[in-house]
Amino acid sequence: YEVTVSGTPFNDAYRYVDWLLTVPLLLIELILVMKLPAGETASMGTKLGLASAVMVALGYPGEIQENLAVRWFWWALAMIPFFYVVYSLLAGLGEATAKQPESVSGLVSAARYLT
């Protein structure tokens, strides 16, 4: 097997469509394993799912820009929902992590930090 340069540019939209689906689902899955009350699970899942989708959607315009200043502008916009997601995972789910059985609390905590 040999890798050769084709000269054909890759369409970055494929990657972003994948992220638009998988990133919110990953966050929702993490919330589901936390065993939160149903109302809190739905609320957190909706908020984090939408925030992560907005984050990815704001990143794409920056990805396809040639102008570096415009790329940084879109990066800064995408960081707003990113920081919300990080804050929610670290601070908002800390109490739920403490309620987990001791046998899995370390794994859930690690997943929270790695996500």
Foldseek 3Di string as FASTA:
>chain_A
DDDDDPVDDDDCVVVLVVQLPPVLVLQLVLLVVLPDPPVVSVVSSVLLNVLSNVLSVLQVVLVPDPDPVVVVVSNVVSVVSVVVNLCCLPPVCPVSLVPDPPVCSVVSNVSSVVD
